[in-house]
Amino acid sequence: MNAQSPIALAGDPGRLVQPIVRKTAGRSERFSVARRAAGPLIIVALWAISTSAGWIDPSILPSPAGLVAGWQQLWTEQALASQIATSLTRALVGGAVGIAFGLILGTIAGLSKLGEEMFDALLQMLRTIPFLALVPLFIVWFGIGEAPKLLLIALATMFPMYLNTYAGVRNVDRKVIEAMRSFGLGGRRLILEVVLPLALPQIFTGLRFALGVSVLVLIAAEQINASAGLGYLLNSAQLYQQVDVILICIAIYAVLGLSADLIVRSLERLFMPWRAGIAIR
């Protein structure tokens, strides 16, 4: 007997339609790194070919081999590892302070109408101010030491963390909160065990933006009379027109930003394992 098609079975209310499952090819984790690295490797290859063929003046864009030589010189003569550690410490300390304040204020404003009325308007107003415009003011107020650098990074990272935490907490299903209260869960336990876990996706989005912003603001912050760090190397390289050093510092900033993103991705897999592998195709 010929098998009936799903369309024919759909007309019979007493029969169930067998769903047609479309098989999709799974992503190969083995080649994931290779696919991600393909684009940068192609760019580097074209760059090397252009400089070796003489199409690009080395004084404008040094060759990859020239950058490797410049890296070795910076590592031995300018204590590059110490300079990176100084910049990384500034980004982490300032970013940690800003992220902590953003998380706390976002949670308060998301949970409480009073908190929203007290903090939201002020923070929405402050976040529209370009952080570069605050550099002269911070120098006047706090001098040219580490304080203005750390405050600038903290202020810039606080806003994306606040906005995403506020949105995540505010979007938690009210029915879930009422259900947990009916089971006797309230106060701090309700916030820590229900509200914040449900708001984690947007909190991690805010964390990703905040860490990226901390690296961006670090570049501006280290222009404030820095005597050590990547900003100091950039200023010196600009003064002496050392293009190779400028490109090396830019590459290090890019690696710091990529590392911050990878750290957040790892935290997402740790705290939200149910989201691993979710993709449309």
Protein backbone atom coordinates (compact mmCIF):
# COMPACT_ATOMS: atom_id res chain seq x y z
CA MET A 1 0.00 0.00 0.00
CA ASN A 2 1.34 3.38 -0.93
CA ALA A 3 2.27 5.63 1.97
CA GLN A 4 0.03 8.63 2.32
CA SER A 5 1.62 12.02 2.08
CA PRO A 6 1.61 14.42 5.05
CA ILE A 7 -0.80 16.67 3.11
CA ALA A 8 -3.33 13.85 2.71
CA LEU A 9 -3.05 12.92 6.36
CA ALA A 10 -3.62 16.53 7.38
CA GLY A 11 -7.16 16.35 5.99
CA ASP A 12 -8.07 13.48 8.31
CA PRO A 13 -8.83 14.85 11.79
CA GLY A 14 -8.32 11.41 13.29
CA ARG A 15 -4.79 10.98 12.05
CA LEU A 16 -1.67 12.76 13.21
CA VAL A 17 0.68 14.29 10.68
CA GLN A 18 4.21 13.01 10.91
CA PRO A 19 6.41 16.11 10.97
CA ILE A 20 9.10 16.37 8.35
CA VAL A 21 12.41 17.07 10.08
CA ARG A 22 14.92 18.88 7.96
CA LYS A 23 18.39 17.60 8.57
CA THR A 24 21.00 20.31 8.86
CA ALA A 25 24.68 19.85 8.71
CA GLY A 26 26.31 20.43 12.09
CA ARG A 27 29.07 22.92 12.42
CA SER A 28 32.51 21.43 12.65
CA GLU A 29 34.28 22.75 15.71
CA ARG A 30 37.50 21.35 14.35
CA PHE A 31 37.64 23.96 11.57
CA SER A 32 36.11 26.84 13.55
CA VAL A 33 39.46 28.42 14.44
CA ALA A 34 40.70 28.07 10.87
CA ARG A 35 37.60 29.78 9.48
CA ARG A 36 37.93 32.64 11.94
CA ALA A 37 41.61 33.12 11.14
CA ALA A 38 41.17 32.98 7.37
CA GLY A 39 40.28 36.67 6.96
CA PRO A 40 43.19 38.11 9.01
CA LEU A 41 45.65 35.70 7.40
CA ILE A 42 44.57 36.79 3.91
CA ILE A 43 45.03 40.44 4.85
CA VAL A 44 48.49 39.77 6.28
CA ALA A 45 49.46 37.83 3.14
CA LEU A 46 48.35 40.70 0.86
CA TRP A 47 50.15 43.14 3.12
CA ALA A 48 53.40 41.13 2.93
CA ILE A 49 53.16 40.82 -0.85
CA SER A 50 52.50 44.55 -1.29
CA THR A 51 55.44 45.63 0.87
CA SER A 52 57.91 43.09 -0.55
CA ALA A 53 56.97 44.05 -4.12
CA GLY A 54 57.58 47.72 -3.37
CA TRP A 55 53.99 48.79 -3.97
CA ILE A 56 53.85 50.41 -0.51
CA ASP A 57 56.52 52.69 0.93
CA PRO A 58 57.96 51.09 4.13
CA SER A 59 57.99 54.52 5.78
CA ILE A 60 54.19 54.59 5.42
CA LEU A 61 53.45 50.93 6.15
CA PRO A 62 56.30 48.66 7.30
CA SER A 63 56.31 45.02 6.28
CA PRO A 64 55.17 42.26 8.70
CA ALA A 65 58.82 41.26 9.08
CA GLY A 66 59.65 44.85 10.02
CA LEU A 67 56.94 44.82 12.68
CA VAL A 68 58.33 41.59 14.12
CA ALA A 69 61.76 43.21 14.35
CA GLY A 70 60.21 46.30 15.96
CA TRP A 71 58.37 44.07 18.44
CA GLN A 72 61.63 42.41 19.47
CA GLN A 73 63.28 45.78 19.90
CA LEU A 74 60.42 47.10 22.03
CA TRP A 75 60.44 43.93 24.13
CA THR A 76 64.13 44.24 24.97
CA GLU A 77 64.72 48.00 25.02
CA GLN A 78 61.37 49.48 26.11
CA ALA A 79 60.23 46.73 28.51
CA LEU A 80 57.12 46.07 26.42
CA ALA A 81 55.77 43.45 28.84
CA SER A 82 55.83 46.00 31.68
CA GLN A 83 54.14 48.63 29.48
CA ILE A 84 51.36 46.19 28.57
CA ALA A 85 50.91 45.23 32.23
CA THR A 86 50.58 48.91 33.21
CA SER A 87 47.89 49.57 30.59
CA LEU A 88 46.07 46.34 31.40
CA THR A 89 46.01 47.21 35.09
CA ARG A 90 44.48 50.60 34.34
CA ALA A 91 41.81 49.06 32.12
CA LEU A 92 40.96 46.32 34.63
CA VAL A 93 40.84 48.55 37.72
CA GLY A 94 38.86 51.34 36.08
CA GLY A 95 36.62 48.88 34.25
CA ALA A 96 35.93 46.86 37.40
CA VAL A 97 34.83 49.97 39.28
CA GLY A 98 32.59 51.16 36.45
CA ILE A 99 31.07 47.71 35.85
CA ALA A 100 30.33 47.25 39.56
CA PHE A 101 28.58 50.63 39.82
CA GLY A 102 26.68 50.03 36.59
CA LEU A 103 25.49 46.62 37.78
CA ILE A 104 24.34 47.93 41.16
CA LEU A 105 22.62 51.05 39.82
CA GLY A 106 21.02 49.12 36.94
CA THR A 107 19.63 46.54 39.36
CA ILE A 108 18.25 49.19 41.71
CA ALA A 109 16.66 51.20 38.89
CA GLY A 110 15.22 48.06 37.31
CA LEU A 111 13.68 46.75 40.51
CA SER A 112 12.44 49.95 42.11
CA LYS A 113 10.38 52.81 40.78
CA LEU A 114 12.06 55.07 43.32
CA GLY A 115 15.50 53.91 42.11
CA GLU A 116 14.55 54.63 38.51
CA GLU A 117 13.36 58.13 39.40
CA MET A 118 16.54 58.84 41.37
CA PHE A 119 19.19 57.50 39.00
CA ASP A 120 17.88 57.00 35.47
CA ALA A 121 17.43 60.61 34.40
CA LEU A 122 20.82 61.63 35.79
CA LEU A 123 22.68 58.73 34.16
CA GLN A 124 20.89 59.17 30.85
CA MET A 125 22.00 62.80 30.87
CA LEU A 126 25.60 62.01 31.80
CA ARG A 127 26.03 59.26 29.22
CA THR A 128 25.41 61.72 26.38
CA ILE A 129 28.49 63.73 27.35
CA PRO A 130 31.54 62.71 25.25
CA PHE A 131 34.11 61.28 27.63
CA LEU A 132 36.90 63.10 25.78
CA ALA A 133 35.29 66.38 26.83
CA LEU A 134 35.84 65.38 30.46
CA VAL A 135 39.62 65.01 30.10
CA PRO A 136 40.48 68.71 30.68
CA LEU A 137 38.05 68.88 33.60
CA PHE A 138 39.48 65.76 35.24
CA ILE A 139 43.00 67.13 34.85
CA VAL A 140 41.97 70.33 36.65
CA TRP A 141 40.17 68.41 39.40
CA PHE A 142 42.46 65.42 39.95
CA GLY A 143 45.80 66.40 38.44
CA ILE A 144 47.81 64.36 35.95
CA GLY A 145 48.35 61.20 38.02
CA GLU A 146 46.52 57.88 37.84
CA ALA A 147 43.23 59.17 39.30
CA PRO A 148 41.87 60.92 36.16
CA LYS A 149 42.81 57.94 33.99
CA LEU A 150 41.00 55.44 36.21
CA LEU A 151 37.97 57.71 36.70
CA LEU A 152 37.62 58.26 32.97
CA ILE A 153 37.65 54.50 32.29
CA ALA A 154 35.24 53.82 35.17
CA LEU A 155 32.79 56.46 34.02
CA ALA A 156 32.81 55.29 30.41
CA THR A 157 32.28 51.61 31.32
CA MET A 158 29.53 52.28 33.83
CA PHE A 159 26.93 53.43 31.27
CA PRO A 160 26.73 50.34 28.99
CA MET A 161 26.63 48.12 32.07
CA TYR A 162 23.89 50.22 33.65
CA LEU A 163 21.72 50.35 30.52
CA ASN A 164 21.86 46.61 29.84
CA THR A 165 21.39 45.61 33.47
CA TYR A 166 18.44 47.96 33.79
CA ALA A 167 16.83 46.56 30.65
CA GLY A 168 17.50 42.96 31.67
CA VAL A 169 16.04 43.36 35.16
CA ARG A 170 13.06 45.34 33.91
CA ASN A 171 12.26 42.69 31.27
CA VAL A 172 12.10 39.81 33.76
CA ASP A 173 8.65 38.21 33.55
CA ARG A 174 6.47 39.61 36.32
CA LYS A 175 4.58 36.32 36.55
CA VAL A 176 7.79 34.48 37.48
CA ILE A 177 8.47 36.95 40.28
CA GLU A 178 4.93 36.63 41.63
CA ALA A 179 5.17 32.83 41.46
CA MET A 180 8.41 32.85 43.45
CA ARG A 181 6.89 35.19 46.03
CA SER A 182 3.96 32.81 46.43
CA PHE A 183 6.50 30.13 47.37
CA GLY A 184 7.90 32.41 50.07
CA LEU A 185 10.96 33.65 48.18
CA GLY A 186 11.61 37.34 48.62
CA GLY A 187 14.12 40.05 49.36
CA ARG A 188 17.77 39.36 48.61
CA ARG A 189 17.16 35.71 47.69
CA LEU A 190 14.59 36.71 45.09
CA ILE A 191 17.05 39.11 43.50
CA LEU A 192 20.07 36.78 43.59
CA GLU A 193 18.31 33.52 42.70
CA VAL A 194 15.59 34.66 40.29
CA VAL A 195 15.90 38.21 38.94
CA LEU A 196 19.62 38.38 38.19
CA PRO A 197 19.85 34.87 36.67
CA LEU A 198 16.96 35.69 34.33
CA ALA A 199 18.64 38.99 33.43
CA LEU A 200 22.03 37.35 32.76
CA PRO A 201 21.84 37.46 28.92
CA GLN A 202 21.58 41.26 28.89
CA ILE A 203 23.98 41.63 31.79
CA PHE A 204 26.63 39.75 29.81
CA THR A 205 25.86 41.90 26.79
CA GLY A 206 26.53 44.96 28.94
CA LEU A 207 29.71 43.36 30.25
CA ARG A 208 30.93 42.74 26.71
CA PHE A 209 30.28 46.35 25.70
CA ALA A 210 31.83 47.67 28.93
CA LEU A 211 35.07 45.73 28.52
CA GLY A 212 35.34 46.85 24.92
CA VAL A 213 34.77 50.46 25.94
CA SER A 214 37.44 50.14 28.65
CA VAL A 215 40.04 49.41 25.98
CA LEU A 216 38.81 52.28 23.79
CA VAL A 217 38.87 54.79 26.65
CA LEU A 218 42.26 53.48 27.76
CA ILE A 219 43.75 55.00 24.60
CA ALA A 220 42.37 58.43 25.48
CA ALA A 221 43.12 58.11 29.20
CA GLU A 222 46.78 57.33 28.59
CA GLN A 223 47.19 60.60 26.71
CA ILE A 224 47.01 62.34 30.10
CA ASN A 225 50.74 62.76 30.74
CA ALA A 226 51.40 59.03 30.88
CA SER A 227 54.98 58.04 31.77
CA ALA A 228 54.36 54.33 31.23
CA GLY A 229 51.97 52.14 29.31
CA LEU A 230 50.96 51.75 25.70
CA GLY A 231 49.78 55.36 25.55
CA TYR A 232 53.26 56.50 26.50
CA LEU A 233 54.75 54.39 23.69
CA LEU A 234 52.19 55.81 21.25
CA ASN A 235 53.01 59.40 22.17
CA SER A 236 56.74 58.76 21.83
CA ALA A 237 56.26 56.99 18.49
CA GLN A 238 54.14 59.86 17.18
CA LEU A 239 56.82 62.36 18.23
CA TYR A 240 59.58 60.46 16.42
CA GLN A 241 57.34 59.26 13.55
CA GLN A 242 57.91 55.58 14.33
CA VAL A 243 55.14 53.99 12.26
CA ASP A 244 56.13 50.45 13.24
CA VAL A 245 55.74 51.22 16.96
CA ILE A 246 52.38 52.87 16.35
CA LEU A 247 51.12 49.80 14.47
CA ILE A 248 52.42 47.46 17.18
CA CYS A 249 50.57 49.43 19.87
CA ILE A 250 47.38 49.42 17.79
CA ALA A 251 47.71 45.65 17.35
CA ILE A 252 48.14 45.19 21.11
CA TYR A 253 45.02 47.26 21.78
CA ALA A 254 43.14 45.07 19.29
CA VAL A 255 44.35 41.90 21.01
CA LEU A 256 43.27 43.27 24.39
CA GLY A 257 39.80 43.98 23.03
CA LEU A 258 39.54 40.52 21.46
CA SER A 259 40.72 38.91 24.70
CA ALA A 260 38.06 40.77 26.67
CA ASP A 261 35.38 39.49 24.27
CA LEU A 262 36.66 35.91 24.56
CA ILE A 263 36.61 36.15 28.36
CA VAL A 264 32.96 37.22 28.31
CA ARG A 265 32.10 34.39 25.90
CA SER A 266 33.74 31.92 28.31
CA LEU A 267 31.76 33.35 31.22
CA GLU A 268 28.56 33.02 29.19
CA ARG A 269 29.27 29.34 28.55
CA LEU A 270 29.99 28.85 32.25
CA PHE A 271 26.97 30.63 33.69
CA MET A 272 24.50 30.04 30.83
CA PRO A 273 25.30 26.57 29.49
CA TRP A 274 21.81 26.27 27.98
CA ARG A 275 22.70 28.95 25.43
CA ALA A 276 25.71 27.05 24.08
CA GLY A 277 25.29 25.99 20.51
CA ILE A 278 22.14 28.04 19.92
CA ALA A 279 22.21 29.27 16.33
CA ILE A 280 19.75 29.81 13.52
CA ARG A 281 21.79 27.85 11.00
